[in-house]
N, C-alpha and C. Protein backbone atom coordinates (compact mmCIF):
# COMPACT_ATOMS: atom_id res chain seq x y z
N PRO A 1 31.30 -12.46 21.12
CA PRO A 1 31.10 -11.20 20.41
C PRO A 1 30.19 -11.37 19.18
N SER A 2 30.29 -12.50 18.48
CA SER A 2 29.45 -12.71 17.30
C SER A 2 27.99 -12.83 17.69
N PHE A 3 27.74 -13.53 18.78
CA PHE A 3 26.37 -13.70 19.25
C PHE A 3 25.75 -12.35 19.59
N LEU A 4 26.47 -11.53 20.33
CA LEU A 4 25.95 -10.22 20.71
C LEU A 4 25.76 -9.32 19.49
N ASP A 5 26.64 -9.44 18.52
CA ASP A 5 26.50 -8.67 17.29
C ASP A 5 25.22 -9.10 16.56
N GLY A 6 24.98 -10.39 16.49
CA GLY A 6 23.77 -10.89 15.85
C GLY A 6 22.51 -10.44 16.56
N VAL A 7 22.53 -10.45 17.89
CA VAL A 7 21.38 -9.99 18.67
C VAL A 7 21.14 -8.50 18.43
N ALA A 8 22.22 -7.71 18.42
CA ALA A 8 22.08 -6.27 18.21
C ALA A 8 21.54 -5.96 16.82
N VAL A 9 22.03 -6.67 15.81
CA VAL A 9 21.54 -6.45 14.45
C VAL A 9 20.07 -6.85 14.36
N GLY A 10 19.70 -7.96 14.97
CA GLY A 10 18.30 -8.39 14.96
C GLY A 10 17.38 -7.40 15.65
N LEU A 11 17.81 -6.86 16.78
CA LEU A 11 17.00 -5.87 17.48
C LEU A 11 16.89 -4.58 16.68
N GLY A 12 17.98 -4.17 16.05
CA GLY A 12 17.94 -2.98 15.21
C GLY A 12 17.00 -3.15 14.03
N TYR A 13 17.05 -4.32 13.41
CA TYR A 13 16.17 -4.62 12.28
C TYR A 13 14.71 -4.60 12.73
N ALA A 14 14.43 -5.21 13.87
CA ALA A 14 13.06 -5.22 14.40
C ALA A 14 12.59 -3.81 14.71
N PHE A 15 13.48 -2.98 15.25
CA PHE A 15 13.13 -1.59 15.56
C PHE A 15 12.77 -0.82 14.29
N VAL A 16 13.58 -0.96 13.25
CA VAL A 16 13.32 -0.25 12.00
C VAL A 16 12.01 -0.72 11.37
N LEU A 17 11.75 -2.03 11.35
CA LEU A 17 10.50 -2.53 10.80
C LEU A 17 9.29 -2.02 11.58
N THR A 18 9.40 -1.98 12.90
CA THR A 18 8.31 -1.49 13.73
C THR A 18 8.07 -0.01 13.49
N LEU A 19 9.15 0.76 13.40
CA LEU A 19 9.02 2.19 13.15
C LEU A 19 8.36 2.46 11.80
N ILE A 20 8.78 1.74 10.78
CA ILE A 20 8.18 1.91 9.45
C ILE A 20 6.70 1.54 9.49
N ALA A 21 6.36 0.46 10.17
CA ALA A 21 4.96 0.04 10.25
C ALA A 21 4.11 1.06 11.01
N LEU A 22 4.67 1.64 12.07
CA LEU A 22 3.92 2.62 12.86
C LEU A 22 3.67 3.91 12.09
N ILE A 23 4.45 4.17 11.07
CA ILE A 23 4.22 5.35 10.23
C ILE A 23 3.31 5.00 9.05
N ARG A 24 3.51 3.84 8.45
CA ARG A 24 2.72 3.45 7.27
C ARG A 24 1.26 3.18 7.60
N GLU A 25 1.01 2.56 8.73
CA GLU A 25 -0.36 2.18 9.10
C GLU A 25 -1.30 3.39 9.17
N PRO A 26 -0.96 4.45 9.90
CA PRO A 26 -1.87 5.60 9.92
C PRO A 26 -2.02 6.29 8.57
N LEU A 27 -0.93 6.35 7.80
CA LEU A 27 -1.02 7.02 6.51
C LEU A 27 -1.75 6.18 5.47
N GLY A 28 -1.65 4.86 5.57
CA GLY A 28 -2.29 3.99 4.58
C GLY A 28 -3.73 3.64 4.90
N PHE A 29 -4.03 3.43 6.17
CA PHE A 29 -5.38 3.02 6.57
C PHE A 29 -6.07 4.04 7.47
N GLY A 30 -5.31 4.92 8.10
CA GLY A 30 -5.89 5.89 9.03
C GLY A 30 -6.11 5.32 10.41
N THR A 31 -5.58 4.12 10.67
CA THR A 31 -5.77 3.48 11.97
C THR A 31 -4.42 3.10 12.56
N LEU A 32 -4.44 2.82 13.85
CA LEU A 32 -3.27 2.30 14.54
C LEU A 32 -3.78 1.31 15.58
N PHE A 33 -3.38 0.07 15.44
CA PHE A 33 -3.85 -1.02 16.30
C PHE A 33 -5.37 -1.15 16.27
N GLY A 34 -5.96 -0.86 15.10
CA GLY A 34 -7.40 -1.01 14.92
C GLY A 34 -8.22 0.19 15.34
N TYR A 35 -7.59 1.21 15.90
CA TYR A 35 -8.30 2.41 16.33
C TYR A 35 -8.07 3.52 15.32
N ARG A 36 -9.15 4.18 14.94
CA ARG A 36 -9.04 5.27 13.97
C ARG A 36 -8.35 6.44 14.65
N ILE A 37 -7.26 6.91 14.04
CA ILE A 37 -6.53 8.03 14.63
C ILE A 37 -6.49 9.25 13.71
N MET A 38 -6.86 9.05 12.45
CA MET A 38 -6.88 10.18 11.51
C MET A 38 -8.29 10.78 11.49
N PRO A 39 -8.39 12.06 11.16
CA PRO A 39 -9.72 12.69 11.12
C PRO A 39 -10.61 12.06 10.05
N ASP A 40 -11.91 12.32 10.16
CA ASP A 40 -12.88 11.71 9.25
C ASP A 40 -12.65 12.09 7.79
N GLY A 41 -12.18 13.28 7.52
CA GLY A 41 -11.97 13.72 6.15
C GLY A 41 -10.65 13.26 5.54
N PHE A 42 -9.87 12.49 6.28
CA PHE A 42 -8.56 12.05 5.80
C PHE A 42 -8.71 11.05 4.66
N THR A 43 -7.99 11.30 3.57
CA THR A 43 -7.96 10.37 2.44
C THR A 43 -6.72 9.51 2.58
N PRO A 44 -6.88 8.19 2.74
CA PRO A 44 -5.71 7.32 2.92
C PRO A 44 -4.79 7.37 1.71
N TRP A 45 -3.51 7.30 1.97
CA TRP A 45 -2.50 7.27 0.92
C TRP A 45 -2.33 5.82 0.49
N THR A 46 -2.88 5.47 -0.64
CA THR A 46 -2.85 4.08 -1.11
C THR A 46 -1.42 3.58 -1.29
N ILE A 47 -0.51 4.46 -1.68
CA ILE A 47 0.88 4.04 -1.90
C ILE A 47 1.50 3.48 -0.61
N MET A 48 1.03 3.94 0.54
CA MET A 48 1.63 3.50 1.80
C MET A 48 1.28 2.06 2.16
N ILE A 49 0.21 1.51 1.60
CA ILE A 49 -0.13 0.12 1.93
C ILE A 49 0.48 -0.85 0.93
N MET A 50 1.16 -0.31 -0.08
CA MET A 50 1.82 -1.16 -1.06
C MET A 50 3.33 -1.20 -0.78
N ALA A 51 4.02 -2.09 -1.46
CA ALA A 51 5.46 -2.26 -1.23
C ALA A 51 6.27 -0.98 -1.44
N PRO A 52 5.99 -0.17 -2.46
CA PRO A 52 6.79 1.04 -2.63
C PRO A 52 6.71 1.98 -1.43
N GLY A 53 5.59 1.95 -0.71
CA GLY A 53 5.46 2.79 0.48
C GLY A 53 6.50 2.43 1.53
N ALA A 54 6.80 1.15 1.66
CA ALA A 54 7.83 0.72 2.61
C ALA A 54 9.20 1.22 2.16
N PHE A 55 9.48 1.18 0.87
CA PHE A 55 10.76 1.68 0.37
C PHE A 55 10.88 3.18 0.57
N PHE A 56 9.79 3.91 0.36
CA PHE A 56 9.81 5.35 0.61
C PHE A 56 10.10 5.64 2.07
N MET A 57 9.45 4.90 2.97
CA MET A 57 9.66 5.11 4.40
C MET A 57 11.08 4.73 4.81
N LEU A 58 11.61 3.64 4.25
CA LEU A 58 12.97 3.24 4.55
C LEU A 58 13.96 4.30 4.08
N GLY A 59 13.74 4.83 2.87
CA GLY A 59 14.60 5.90 2.36
C GLY A 59 14.52 7.14 3.22
N LEU A 60 13.33 7.49 3.67
CA LEU A 60 13.16 8.64 4.56
C LEU A 60 13.86 8.41 5.89
N PHE A 61 13.74 7.20 6.42
CA PHE A 61 14.39 6.86 7.69
C PHE A 61 15.91 6.96 7.56
N VAL A 62 16.47 6.42 6.48
CA VAL A 62 17.93 6.49 6.26
C VAL A 62 18.37 7.94 6.11
N TRP A 63 17.59 8.73 5.38
CA TRP A 63 17.92 10.14 5.18
C TRP A 63 17.96 10.88 6.52
N VAL A 64 16.95 10.68 7.37
CA VAL A 64 16.90 11.36 8.67
C VAL A 64 18.06 10.93 9.56
N VAL A 65 18.34 9.63 9.60
CA VAL A 65 19.44 9.14 10.44
C VAL A 65 20.77 9.70 9.94
N ARG A 66 20.99 9.70 8.63
CA ARG A 66 22.25 10.23 8.07
C ARG A 66 22.36 11.73 8.30
N TYR A 67 21.24 12.43 8.35
CA TYR A 67 21.27 13.87 8.61
C TYR A 67 21.68 14.15 10.05
N TYR A 68 21.11 13.42 11.00
CA TYR A 68 21.39 13.67 12.41
C TYR A 68 22.68 13.01 12.89
N PHE A 69 23.13 11.97 12.23
CA PHE A 69 24.37 11.28 12.58
C PHE A 69 25.25 11.15 11.34
N PRO A 70 25.84 12.27 10.88
CA PRO A 70 26.55 12.24 9.59
C PRO A 70 27.86 11.46 9.61
N GLN A 71 28.49 11.31 10.76
CA GLN A 71 29.77 10.62 10.81
C GLN A 71 29.58 9.15 11.16
N THR A 72 29.77 8.31 10.17
CA THR A 72 29.73 6.88 10.41
C THR A 72 31.15 6.36 10.37
N ALA A 73 31.34 5.10 10.58
CA ALA A 73 32.68 4.51 10.60
C ALA A 73 33.38 4.69 9.25
N GLU A 74 32.63 4.62 8.15
CA GLU A 74 33.24 4.76 6.83
C GLU A 74 33.70 6.19 6.58
N GLU A 75 32.95 7.17 7.08
CA GLU A 75 33.30 8.56 6.84
C GLU A 75 34.46 9.03 7.70
N LYS A 76 34.74 8.36 8.80
CA LYS A 76 35.82 8.76 9.70
C LYS A 76 37.19 8.38 9.16
N LYS A 77 37.25 7.49 8.18
CA LYS A 77 38.53 7.01 7.65
C LYS A 77 39.29 8.09 6.95
């Protein structure tokens, strides 16, 4: 059970990091996997390529998850 718990936590962590990166990359550089995906007039958000951008995205991710799944194990007690 400990091994599977560790694998699940690792996969969840990798998923969250990938999701944050997939959102930060287009907003910070206007590209995704090296291909320009934002329009020509798009001004990159410099904050997204810095460390605070990751914290903003993590906070947004937690907020969305808590909104759609409000009952966690702690709240059920």
